[in-house]
Amino acid sequence: GYFGQAEAPEAFWGPRAVVVDGSGRVIVSDTGNKRIVIFNDQGGYIAEFGGTGMQPGEFNEPTGLAIGPDGTLYVADAWNQRIQSFTPTDDGSFTPLKSWDIVGWYGQSLDNKPYLTVSPEGHVFASDPEGARILEFTAEGEFIRYWGDFGSDSTGFNLPIGLSFDAQGDLWVADSGNNRL
């Protein structure tokens, strides 16, 4: 890729996340261009969707991506303060499924870029960097819980961003402000 304003599939403006789904498709959140771009495992362009807006399938700062066990794509639509979910289609793209609001993600700073991951059980986890917490939802968007608060002790976070589950099902958090995992 190169810096650009979506004049070509590989013209990105602030790509934030990359996931690979069960079909080997490489999915990129092109944050500045307000779109999601999909490539095959050889880098060939398949499709893209998005654009600026608040309607289903539109974005205002898409950042984090995650793939659920059933192939559902989850997108952190940061400045619209919501998570959107998408179902894979036969043509290699995705169609909007549902969305849910996030009580958080208030700031529009370069540091406040939330990321997502999905647990082995299918729960969606989201970082809330400036809120110094982690949020947990069902795959349908029902809020389960949050944890964390600003701090540097074992229960605190300072700009938590990246999230990932390991093979044992433990959640790892990149606590960027505290320089630790």
N, C-alpha and C. Protein backbone atom coordinates (compact mmCIF):
# COMPACT_ATOMS: atom_id res chain seq x y z
N GLY A 1 0.81 -1.20 0.00
CA GLY A 1 0.00 0.00 0.00
C GLY A 1 0.85 1.25 0.00
N TYR A 2 0.16 2.35 -0.14
CA TYR A 2 0.81 3.66 -0.12
C TYR A 2 -0.20 4.68 0.40
N PHE A 3 0.29 5.88 0.78
CA PHE A 3 -0.60 6.93 1.26
C PHE A 3 -1.46 7.41 0.10
N GLY A 4 -2.76 7.47 0.35
CA GLY A 4 -3.68 7.97 -0.67
C GLY A 4 -5.06 8.14 -0.11
N GLN A 5 -5.94 8.66 -0.94
CA GLN A 5 -7.30 8.94 -0.52
C GLN A 5 -8.30 8.05 -1.24
N ALA A 6 -8.01 6.75 -1.20
CA ALA A 6 -8.89 5.71 -1.73
C ALA A 6 -9.05 5.76 -3.25
N GLU A 7 -8.07 6.36 -3.94
CA GLU A 7 -8.14 6.37 -5.40
C GLU A 7 -7.85 5.00 -6.00
N ALA A 8 -7.32 4.11 -5.19
CA ALA A 8 -7.07 2.72 -5.58
C ALA A 8 -7.22 1.86 -4.34
N PRO A 9 -7.44 0.56 -4.50
CA PRO A 9 -7.61 -0.29 -3.32
C PRO A 9 -6.44 -0.23 -2.34
N GLU A 10 -5.23 -0.08 -2.86
CA GLU A 10 -4.05 -0.07 -1.99
C GLU A 10 -3.64 1.33 -1.54
N ALA A 11 -4.47 2.35 -1.79
CA ALA A 11 -4.21 3.72 -1.35
C ALA A 11 -4.88 3.93 0.02
N PHE A 12 -4.07 3.90 1.08
CA PHE A 12 -4.57 3.96 2.45
C PHE A 12 -4.24 5.29 3.11
N TRP A 13 -5.10 5.66 4.06
CA TRP A 13 -4.87 6.85 4.87
C TRP A 13 -5.11 6.44 6.33
N GLY A 14 -4.06 6.01 6.97
CA GLY A 14 -4.15 5.60 8.37
C GLY A 14 -4.76 4.24 8.58
N PRO A 15 -4.28 3.19 7.91
CA PRO A 15 -4.82 1.86 8.21
C PRO A 15 -4.50 1.50 9.65
N ARG A 16 -5.49 0.97 10.39
CA ARG A 16 -5.32 0.72 11.82
C ARG A 16 -5.29 -0.76 12.18
N ALA A 17 -6.05 -1.58 11.47
CA ALA A 17 -6.13 -2.99 11.87
C ALA A 17 -6.19 -3.88 10.64
N VAL A 18 -5.71 -5.10 10.82
CA VAL A 18 -5.75 -6.12 9.79
C VAL A 18 -6.19 -7.42 10.45
N VAL A 19 -7.15 -8.11 9.84
CA VAL A 19 -7.53 -9.45 10.29
C VAL A 19 -7.60 -10.36 9.07
N VAL A 20 -7.43 -11.65 9.32
CA VAL A 20 -7.56 -12.65 8.27
C VAL A 20 -8.69 -13.57 8.69
N ASP A 21 -9.68 -13.73 7.80
CA ASP A 21 -10.82 -14.58 8.16
C ASP A 21 -10.55 -16.04 7.80
N GLY A 22 -11.49 -16.90 8.09
CA GLY A 22 -11.34 -18.34 7.87
C GLY A 22 -11.18 -18.72 6.41
N SER A 23 -11.55 -17.83 5.50
CA SER A 23 -11.39 -18.07 4.06
C SER A 23 -10.06 -17.53 3.53
N GLY A 24 -9.24 -16.96 4.41
CA GLY A 24 -7.96 -16.42 4.00
C GLY A 24 -8.03 -15.00 3.48
N ARG A 25 -9.18 -14.37 3.56
CA ARG A 25 -9.30 -12.98 3.11
C ARG A 25 -8.61 -12.07 4.13
N VAL A 26 -7.84 -11.11 3.63
CA VAL A 26 -7.14 -10.13 4.44
C VAL A 26 -8.00 -8.87 4.45
N ILE A 27 -8.43 -8.45 5.63
CA ILE A 27 -9.37 -7.35 5.77
C ILE A 27 -8.67 -6.22 6.50
N VAL A 28 -8.71 -5.01 5.93
CA VAL A 28 -7.98 -3.85 6.44
C VAL A 28 -8.96 -2.72 6.75
N SER A 29 -8.84 -2.13 7.96
CA SER A 29 -9.60 -0.92 8.26
C SER A 29 -8.78 0.28 7.80
N ASP A 30 -9.27 0.97 6.79
CA ASP A 30 -8.62 2.15 6.23
C ASP A 30 -9.27 3.36 6.90
N THR A 31 -8.77 3.68 8.09
CA THR A 31 -9.40 4.63 8.99
C THR A 31 -9.68 5.99 8.35
N GLY A 32 -8.66 6.63 7.80
CA GLY A 32 -8.82 7.97 7.25
C GLY A 32 -9.73 8.02 6.04
N ASN A 33 -9.80 6.93 5.29
CA ASN A 33 -10.68 6.89 4.12
C ASN A 33 -12.06 6.33 4.44
N LYS A 34 -12.30 6.02 5.72
CA LYS A 34 -13.63 5.59 6.19
C LYS A 34 -14.14 4.37 5.42
N ARG A 35 -13.27 3.38 5.24
CA ARG A 35 -13.67 2.19 4.49
C ARG A 35 -12.97 0.95 5.03
N ILE A 36 -13.50 -0.19 4.62
CA ILE A 36 -12.90 -1.50 4.87
C ILE A 36 -12.53 -2.07 3.51
N VAL A 37 -11.30 -2.55 3.36
CA VAL A 37 -10.83 -3.10 2.09
C VAL A 37 -10.48 -4.57 2.29
N ILE A 38 -10.86 -5.40 1.32
CA ILE A 38 -10.69 -6.85 1.42
C ILE A 38 -9.80 -7.33 0.28
N PHE A 39 -8.79 -8.12 0.62
CA PHE A 39 -7.86 -8.70 -0.34
C PHE A 39 -7.84 -10.21 -0.18
N ASN A 40 -7.40 -10.92 -1.21
CA ASN A 40 -7.19 -12.36 -1.05
C ASN A 40 -5.84 -12.60 -0.41
N ASP A 41 -5.50 -13.86 -0.16
CA ASP A 41 -4.26 -14.17 0.55
C ASP A 41 -3.00 -13.89 -0.27
N GLN A 42 -3.16 -13.54 -1.54
CA GLN A 42 -2.03 -13.16 -2.38
C GLN A 42 -1.93 -11.64 -2.55
N GLY A 43 -2.83 -10.90 -1.90
CA GLY A 43 -2.82 -9.45 -2.00
C GLY A 43 -3.70 -8.89 -3.11
N GLY A 44 -4.44 -9.76 -3.79
CA GLY A 44 -5.33 -9.31 -4.85
C GLY A 44 -6.60 -8.70 -4.28
N TYR A 45 -7.02 -7.61 -4.87
CA TYR A 45 -8.21 -6.89 -4.43
C TYR A 45 -9.47 -7.73 -4.66
N ILE A 46 -10.34 -7.78 -3.62
CA ILE A 46 -11.63 -8.46 -3.74
C ILE A 46 -12.76 -7.45 -3.72
N ALA A 47 -12.81 -6.63 -2.68
CA ALA A 47 -13.94 -5.70 -2.53
C ALA A 47 -13.60 -4.67 -1.47
N GLU A 48 -14.47 -3.68 -1.35
CA GLU A 48 -14.39 -2.70 -0.26
C GLU A 48 -15.79 -2.22 0.02
N PHE A 49 -15.97 -1.68 1.22
CA PHE A 49 -17.26 -1.09 1.57
C PHE A 49 -17.02 0.00 2.61
N GLY A 50 -18.02 0.84 2.78
CA GLY A 50 -17.93 1.91 3.75
C GLY A 50 -18.21 3.25 3.12
N GLY A 51 -17.55 4.26 3.64
CA GLY A 51 -17.78 5.64 3.26
C GLY A 51 -18.21 6.40 4.50
N THR A 52 -18.09 7.72 4.44
CA THR A 52 -18.42 8.55 5.58
C THR A 52 -19.92 8.58 5.82
N GLY A 53 -20.32 8.33 7.06
CA GLY A 53 -21.73 8.43 7.41
C GLY A 53 -22.08 7.67 8.67
N MET A 54 -23.38 7.66 8.97
CA MET A 54 -23.89 7.00 10.17
C MET A 54 -24.85 5.87 9.85
N GLN A 55 -25.11 5.63 8.58
CA GLN A 55 -26.02 4.55 8.19
C GLN A 55 -25.30 3.21 8.34
N PRO A 56 -26.04 2.10 8.35
CA PRO A 56 -25.39 0.79 8.40
C PRO A 56 -24.38 0.64 7.25
N GLY A 57 -23.19 0.20 7.60
CA GLY A 57 -22.14 0.01 6.61
C GLY A 57 -21.32 1.25 6.31
N GLU A 58 -21.67 2.38 6.92
CA GLU A 58 -20.89 3.60 6.79
C GLU A 58 -20.11 3.83 8.08
N PHE A 59 -19.05 4.64 8.00
CA PHE A 59 -18.16 4.79 9.14
C PHE A 59 -17.74 6.23 9.36
N ASN A 60 -17.31 6.48 10.58
CA ASN A 60 -16.59 7.70 10.92
C ASN A 60 -15.46 7.26 11.83
N GLU A 61 -14.35 6.91 11.22
CA GLU A 61 -13.13 6.45 11.90
C GLU A 61 -13.20 4.97 12.26
N PRO A 62 -13.27 4.08 11.25
CA PRO A 62 -13.21 2.64 11.55
C PRO A 62 -11.79 2.27 11.99
N THR A 63 -11.67 1.69 13.16
CA THR A 63 -10.34 1.36 13.68
C THR A 63 -10.18 -0.14 13.85
N GLY A 64 -10.59 -0.67 15.00
CA GLY A 64 -10.38 -2.08 15.30
C GLY A 64 -11.27 -3.01 14.49
N LEU A 65 -10.73 -4.20 14.21
CA LEU A 65 -11.45 -5.26 13.51
C LEU A 65 -11.31 -6.56 14.29
N ALA A 66 -12.31 -7.41 14.18
CA ALA A 66 -12.23 -8.75 14.76
C ALA A 66 -13.15 -9.67 13.96
N ILE A 67 -12.80 -10.94 13.93
CA ILE A 67 -13.61 -11.96 13.26
C ILE A 67 -14.14 -12.92 14.32
N GLY A 68 -15.45 -13.15 14.32
CA GLY A 68 -16.05 -14.09 15.25
C GLY A 68 -15.91 -15.52 14.77
N PRO A 69 -16.17 -16.50 15.63
CA PRO A 69 -16.05 -17.90 15.27
C PRO A 69 -16.94 -18.30 14.08
N ASP A 70 -18.04 -17.58 13.89
CA ASP A 70 -18.96 -17.87 12.79
C ASP A 70 -18.65 -17.08 11.52
N GLY A 71 -17.54 -16.31 11.51
CA GLY A 71 -17.16 -15.52 10.35
C GLY A 71 -17.68 -14.10 10.36
N THR A 72 -18.44 -13.73 11.39
CA THR A 72 -18.93 -12.35 11.49
C THR A 72 -17.75 -11.40 11.64
N LEU A 73 -17.79 -10.29 10.90
CA LEU A 73 -16.77 -9.25 11.01
C LEU A 73 -17.31 -8.15 11.93
N TYR A 74 -16.51 -7.76 12.91
CA TYR A 74 -16.85 -6.68 13.83
C TYR A 74 -15.92 -5.50 13.56
N VAL A 75 -16.50 -4.29 13.52
CA VAL A 75 -15.72 -3.08 13.24
C VAL A 75 -15.98 -2.06 14.34
N ALA A 76 -14.90 -1.54 14.93
CA ALA A 76 -15.01 -0.44 15.88
C ALA A 76 -15.15 0.85 15.08
N ASP A 77 -16.36 1.38 15.04
CA ASP A 77 -16.68 2.63 14.33
C ASP A 77 -16.54 3.76 15.34
N ALA A 78 -15.30 4.16 15.58
CA ALA A 78 -14.93 4.94 16.77
C ALA A 78 -15.69 6.25 16.93
N TRP A 79 -15.69 7.11 15.92
CA TRP A 79 -16.28 8.43 16.11
C TRP A 79 -17.80 8.40 15.99
N ASN A 80 -18.37 7.31 15.50
CA ASN A 80 -19.82 7.11 15.58
C ASN A 80 -20.19 6.43 16.89
N GLN A 81 -19.19 6.10 17.71
CA GLN A 81 -19.35 5.49 19.03
C GLN A 81 -20.23 4.24 18.97
N ARG A 82 -19.84 3.32 18.09
CA ARG A 82 -20.59 2.08 17.95
C ARG A 82 -19.69 0.98 17.41
N ILE A 83 -20.15 -0.25 17.60
CA ILE A 83 -19.56 -1.41 16.95
C ILE A 83 -20.57 -1.87 15.92
N GLN A 84 -20.09 -2.11 14.71
CA GLN A 84 -20.95 -2.66 13.67
C GLN A 84 -20.51 -4.09 13.38
N SER A 85 -21.48 -4.96 13.10
CA SER A 85 -21.16 -6.33 12.71
C SER A 85 -21.65 -6.57 11.29
N PHE A 86 -20.94 -7.46 10.60
CA PHE A 86 -21.20 -7.73 9.19
C PHE A 86 -21.14 -9.23 8.91
N THR A 87 -21.99 -9.67 8.02
CA THR A 87 -22.04 -11.07 7.60
C THR A 87 -21.29 -11.23 6.29
N PRO A 88 -20.48 -12.30 6.15
CA PRO A 88 -19.79 -12.52 4.88
C PRO A 88 -20.79 -12.81 3.76
N THR A 89 -20.47 -12.37 2.54
CA THR A 89 -21.32 -12.62 1.38
C THR A 89 -20.60 -13.55 0.41
N ASP A 90 -21.34 -14.08 -0.54
CA ASP A 90 -20.77 -15.01 -1.52
C ASP A 90 -19.76 -14.35 -2.45
N ASP A 91 -19.87 -13.03 -2.64
CA ASP A 91 -18.95 -12.34 -3.55
C ASP A 91 -17.65 -11.90 -2.87
N GLY A 92 -17.45 -12.29 -1.60
CA GLY A 92 -16.21 -11.98 -0.90
C GLY A 92 -16.27 -10.73 -0.06
N SER A 93 -17.38 -10.03 -0.05
CA SER A 93 -17.52 -8.82 0.75
C SER A 93 -18.31 -9.14 2.02
N PHE A 94 -18.90 -8.12 2.61
CA PHE A 94 -19.69 -8.27 3.83
C PHE A 94 -20.91 -7.37 3.74
N THR A 95 -21.99 -7.78 4.39
CA THR A 95 -23.20 -6.98 4.44
C THR A 95 -23.53 -6.65 5.90
N PRO A 96 -24.07 -5.44 6.16
CA PRO A 96 -24.36 -5.06 7.55
C PRO A 96 -25.31 -6.03 8.24
N LEU A 97 -25.02 -6.35 9.48
CA LEU A 97 -25.85 -7.25 10.28
C LEU A 97 -26.55 -6.45 11.38
N LYS A 98 -25.77 -5.83 12.26
CA LYS A 98 -26.33 -5.02 13.34
C LYS A 98 -25.25 -4.08 13.87
N SER A 99 -25.66 -3.18 14.75
CA SER A 99 -24.70 -2.31 15.42
C SER A 99 -25.20 -2.02 16.82
N TRP A 100 -24.27 -1.63 17.68
CA TRP A 100 -24.66 -1.22 19.02
C TRP A 100 -23.78 -0.07 19.48
N ASP A 101 -24.39 0.79 20.29
CA ASP A 101 -23.71 1.99 20.78
C ASP A 101 -22.71 1.66 21.87
N ILE A 102 -21.68 2.47 21.92
CA ILE A 102 -20.65 2.39 22.95
C ILE A 102 -20.75 3.64 23.81
N VAL A 103 -20.87 3.45 25.11
CA VAL A 103 -20.82 4.58 26.04
C VAL A 103 -19.34 4.77 26.36
N GLY A 104 -18.68 5.53 25.53
CA GLY A 104 -17.24 5.72 25.60
C GLY A 104 -16.75 6.22 24.25
N TRP A 105 -15.45 6.14 24.03
CA TRP A 105 -14.81 6.58 22.79
C TRP A 105 -15.15 8.04 22.50
N TYR A 106 -15.14 8.87 23.54
CA TYR A 106 -15.55 10.26 23.40
C TYR A 106 -14.53 11.12 22.66
N GLY A 107 -13.26 10.94 22.94
CA GLY A 107 -12.24 11.80 22.36
C GLY A 107 -11.92 11.45 20.92
N GLN A 108 -11.55 12.46 20.15
CA GLN A 108 -11.16 12.24 18.76
C GLN A 108 -9.66 12.48 18.59
N SER A 109 -8.89 12.12 19.61
CA SER A 109 -7.44 12.28 19.54
C SER A 109 -6.82 11.11 18.79
N LEU A 110 -5.57 11.26 18.44
CA LEU A 110 -4.85 10.18 17.77
C LEU A 110 -4.62 8.99 18.69
N ASP A 111 -4.67 9.23 20.01
CA ASP A 111 -4.46 8.15 20.97
C ASP A 111 -5.72 7.33 21.24
N ASN A 112 -6.88 7.87 20.97
CA ASN A 112 -8.14 7.22 21.33
C ASN A 112 -8.65 6.37 20.16
N LYS A 113 -7.90 5.34 19.82
CA LYS A 113 -8.28 4.43 18.74
C LYS A 113 -8.57 3.06 19.34
N PRO A 114 -9.85 2.69 19.45
CA PRO A 114 -10.21 1.42 20.07
C PRO A 114 -9.96 0.23 19.14
N TYR A 115 -9.67 -0.90 19.77
CA TYR A 115 -9.46 -2.16 19.05
C TYR A 115 -10.40 -3.21 19.61
N LEU A 116 -10.58 -4.28 18.85
CA LEU A 116 -11.52 -5.34 19.18
C LEU A 116 -10.84 -6.70 19.14
N THR A 117 -11.43 -7.64 19.84
CA THR A 117 -11.10 -9.05 19.69
C THR A 117 -12.35 -9.83 20.07
N VAL A 118 -12.38 -11.10 19.67
CA VAL A 118 -13.52 -11.96 19.98
C VAL A 118 -12.98 -13.17 20.74
N SER A 119 -13.65 -13.49 21.85
CA SER A 119 -13.23 -14.63 22.67
C SER A 119 -13.59 -15.93 21.96
N PRO A 120 -13.00 -17.05 22.40
CA PRO A 120 -13.36 -18.35 21.82
C PRO A 120 -14.86 -18.66 21.94
N GLU A 121 -15.52 -18.07 22.94
CA GLU A 121 -16.96 -18.27 23.12
C GLU A 121 -17.80 -17.33 22.27
N GLY A 122 -17.15 -16.39 21.57
CA GLY A 122 -17.87 -15.48 20.69
C GLY A 122 -18.21 -14.13 21.30
N HIS A 123 -17.72 -13.82 22.50
CA HIS A 123 -17.96 -12.50 23.08
C HIS A 123 -17.02 -11.48 22.44
N VAL A 124 -17.53 -10.27 22.25
CA VAL A 124 -16.77 -9.19 21.64
C VAL A 124 -16.19 -8.31 22.74
N PHE A 125 -14.88 -8.10 22.70
CA PHE A 125 -14.18 -7.26 23.66
C PHE A 125 -13.66 -6.03 22.93
N ALA A 126 -13.81 -4.86 23.56
CA ALA A 126 -13.38 -3.60 22.97
C ALA A 126 -12.54 -2.83 23.98
N SER A 127 -11.46 -2.23 23.49
CA SER A 127 -10.71 -1.32 24.36
C SER A 127 -11.35 0.06 24.31
N ASP A 128 -11.28 0.75 25.41
CA ASP A 128 -11.72 2.14 25.52
C ASP A 128 -10.51 2.92 26.01
N PRO A 129 -9.60 3.32 25.09
CA PRO A 129 -8.31 3.86 25.50
C PRO A 129 -8.38 5.02 26.48
N GLU A 130 -9.09 6.09 26.15
CA GLU A 130 -9.12 7.23 27.06
C GLU A 130 -10.02 6.99 28.26
N GLY A 131 -10.88 5.97 28.22
CA GLY A 131 -11.69 5.58 29.36
C GLY A 131 -10.96 4.62 30.27
N ALA A 132 -9.77 4.15 29.84
CA ALA A 132 -8.91 3.27 30.63
C ALA A 132 -9.63 2.00 31.08
N ARG A 133 -10.35 1.37 30.13
CA ARG A 133 -11.11 0.18 30.50
C ARG A 133 -11.29 -0.73 29.28
N ILE A 134 -11.75 -1.94 29.58
CA ILE A 134 -12.08 -2.94 28.57
C ILE A 134 -13.57 -3.23 28.70
N LEU A 135 -14.27 -3.31 27.57
CA LEU A 135 -15.71 -3.57 27.52
C LEU A 135 -15.96 -4.95 26.95
N GLU A 136 -16.97 -5.66 27.48
CA GLU A 136 -17.32 -6.98 26.99
C GLU A 136 -18.80 -7.00 26.59
N PHE A 137 -19.08 -7.60 25.41
CA PHE A 137 -20.44 -7.71 24.87
C PHE A 137 -20.68 -9.12 24.35
N THR A 138 -21.94 -9.50 24.25
CA THR A 138 -22.27 -10.72 23.53
C THR A 138 -22.09 -10.44 22.03
N ALA A 139 -22.15 -11.48 21.22
CA ALA A 139 -22.04 -11.31 19.77
C ALA A 139 -23.19 -10.48 19.21
N GLU A 140 -24.30 -10.40 19.96
CA GLU A 140 -25.46 -9.62 19.52
C GLU A 140 -25.40 -8.19 20.02
N GLY A 141 -24.39 -7.84 20.82
CA GLY A 141 -24.22 -6.48 21.28
C GLY A 141 -24.75 -6.20 22.67
N GLU A 142 -25.18 -7.22 23.39
CA GLU A 142 -25.65 -7.02 24.76
C GLU A 142 -24.44 -6.78 25.67
N PHE A 143 -24.48 -5.68 26.41
CA PHE A 143 -23.39 -5.35 27.32
C PHE A 143 -23.33 -6.37 28.45
N ILE A 144 -22.13 -6.87 28.73
CA ILE A 144 -21.92 -7.82 29.82
C ILE A 144 -21.25 -7.14 31.00
N ARG A 145 -20.09 -6.52 30.76
CA ARG A 145 -19.36 -5.88 31.85
C ARG A 145 -18.21 -5.05 31.30
N TYR A 146 -17.62 -4.28 32.19
CA TYR A 146 -16.37 -3.60 31.89
C TYR A 146 -15.47 -3.75 33.10
N TRP A 147 -14.18 -3.54 32.88
CA TRP A 147 -13.25 -3.50 34.00
C TRP A 147 -12.09 -2.58 33.64
N GLY A 148 -11.46 -2.10 34.69
CA GLY A 148 -10.33 -1.21 34.56
C GLY A 148 -10.68 0.20 34.98
N ASP A 149 -9.65 0.93 35.27
CA ASP A 149 -9.75 2.33 35.64
C ASP A 149 -8.36 2.91 35.40
N PHE A 150 -8.27 4.22 35.34
CA PHE A 150 -6.98 4.84 35.10
C PHE A 150 -6.04 4.56 36.27
N GLY A 151 -4.84 4.09 35.94
CA GLY A 151 -3.85 3.83 36.97
C GLY A 151 -2.73 2.95 36.46
N SER A 152 -1.75 2.76 37.30
CA SER A 152 -0.60 1.94 36.93
C SER A 152 -0.46 0.69 37.81
N ASP A 153 -1.41 0.48 38.74
CA ASP A 153 -1.34 -0.74 39.55
C ASP A 153 -1.90 -1.90 38.72
N SER A 154 -2.05 -3.06 39.33
CA SER A 154 -2.46 -4.27 38.59
C SER A 154 -3.90 -4.22 38.09
N THR A 155 -4.71 -3.29 38.56
CA THR A 155 -6.10 -3.19 38.09
C THR A 155 -6.31 -1.98 37.18
N GLY A 156 -5.27 -1.19 36.96
CA GLY A 156 -5.41 0.03 36.18
C GLY A 156 -4.85 -0.08 34.77
N PHE A 157 -5.32 0.83 33.93
CA PHE A 157 -4.83 0.96 32.55
C PHE A 157 -4.52 2.43 32.28
N ASN A 158 -3.68 2.64 31.29
CA ASN A 158 -3.40 3.97 30.77
C ASN A 158 -3.30 3.83 29.26
N LEU A 159 -4.36 4.17 28.57
CA LEU A 159 -4.50 4.00 27.12
C LEU A 159 -4.39 2.54 26.68
N PRO A 160 -5.28 1.67 27.16
CA PRO A 160 -5.29 0.30 26.64
C PRO A 160 -5.74 0.32 25.18
N ILE A 161 -5.02 -0.39 24.34
CA ILE A 161 -5.38 -0.38 22.92
C ILE A 161 -5.59 -1.80 22.42
N GLY A 162 -4.55 -2.46 21.93
CA GLY A 162 -4.68 -3.77 21.31
C GLY A 162 -5.12 -4.85 22.27
N LEU A 163 -5.92 -5.78 21.75
CA LEU A 163 -6.45 -6.90 22.54
C LEU A 163 -6.28 -8.19 21.75
N SER A 164 -6.00 -9.29 22.44
CA SER A 164 -5.90 -10.57 21.76
C SER A 164 -6.04 -11.71 22.78
N PHE A 165 -6.72 -12.76 22.36
CA PHE A 165 -6.81 -13.97 23.18
C PHE A 165 -5.71 -14.93 22.77
N ASP A 166 -5.08 -15.58 23.75
CA ASP A 166 -4.08 -16.58 23.43
C ASP A 166 -4.73 -17.96 23.31
N ALA A 167 -3.94 -18.98 23.05
CA ALA A 167 -4.46 -20.33 22.83
C ALA A 167 -5.15 -20.91 24.06
N GLN A 168 -4.83 -20.40 25.26
CA GLN A 168 -5.46 -20.87 26.48
C GLN A 168 -6.74 -20.11 26.81
N GLY A 169 -7.10 -19.13 25.98
CA GLY A 169 -8.30 -18.34 26.22
C GLY A 169 -8.11 -17.16 27.14
N ASP A 170 -6.85 -16.80 27.42
CA ASP A 170 -6.56 -15.63 28.26
C ASP A 170 -6.50 -14.38 27.40
N LEU A 171 -7.06 -13.29 27.89
CA LEU A 171 -7.05 -12.02 27.19
C LEU A 171 -5.79 -11.24 27.51
N TRP A 172 -5.09 -10.80 26.46
CA TRP A 172 -3.92 -9.95 26.60
C TRP A 172 -4.30 -8.54 26.16
N VAL A 173 -3.85 -7.54 26.92
CA VAL A 173 -4.16 -6.15 26.63
C VAL A 173 -2.85 -5.38 26.48
N ALA A 174 -2.72 -4.63 25.39
CA ALA A 174 -1.59 -3.72 25.23
C ALA A 174 -1.92 -2.43 25.97
N ASP A 175 -1.31 -2.27 27.15
CA ASP A 175 -1.54 -1.12 28.02
C ASP A 175 -0.48 -0.08 27.67
N SER A 176 -0.72 0.67 26.59
CA SER A 176 0.33 1.49 25.98
C SER A 176 0.88 2.58 26.88
N GLY A 177 0.03 3.25 27.65
CA GLY A 177 0.49 4.32 28.52
C GLY A 177 1.34 3.84 29.67
N ASN A 178 1.16 2.57 30.05
CA ASN A 178 1.97 1.99 31.12
C ASN A 178 3.10 1.13 30.58
N ASN A 179 3.25 1.08 29.25
CA ASN A 179 4.34 0.35 28.61
C ASN A 179 4.40 -1.12 29.05
N ARG A 180 3.25 -1.80 28.97
CA ARG A 180 3.22 -3.19 29.41
C ARG A 180 2.08 -3.94 28.72
N LEU A 181 2.16 -5.25 28.83
CA LEU A 181 1.06 -6.13 28.43
C LEU A 181 0.40 -6.64 29.69
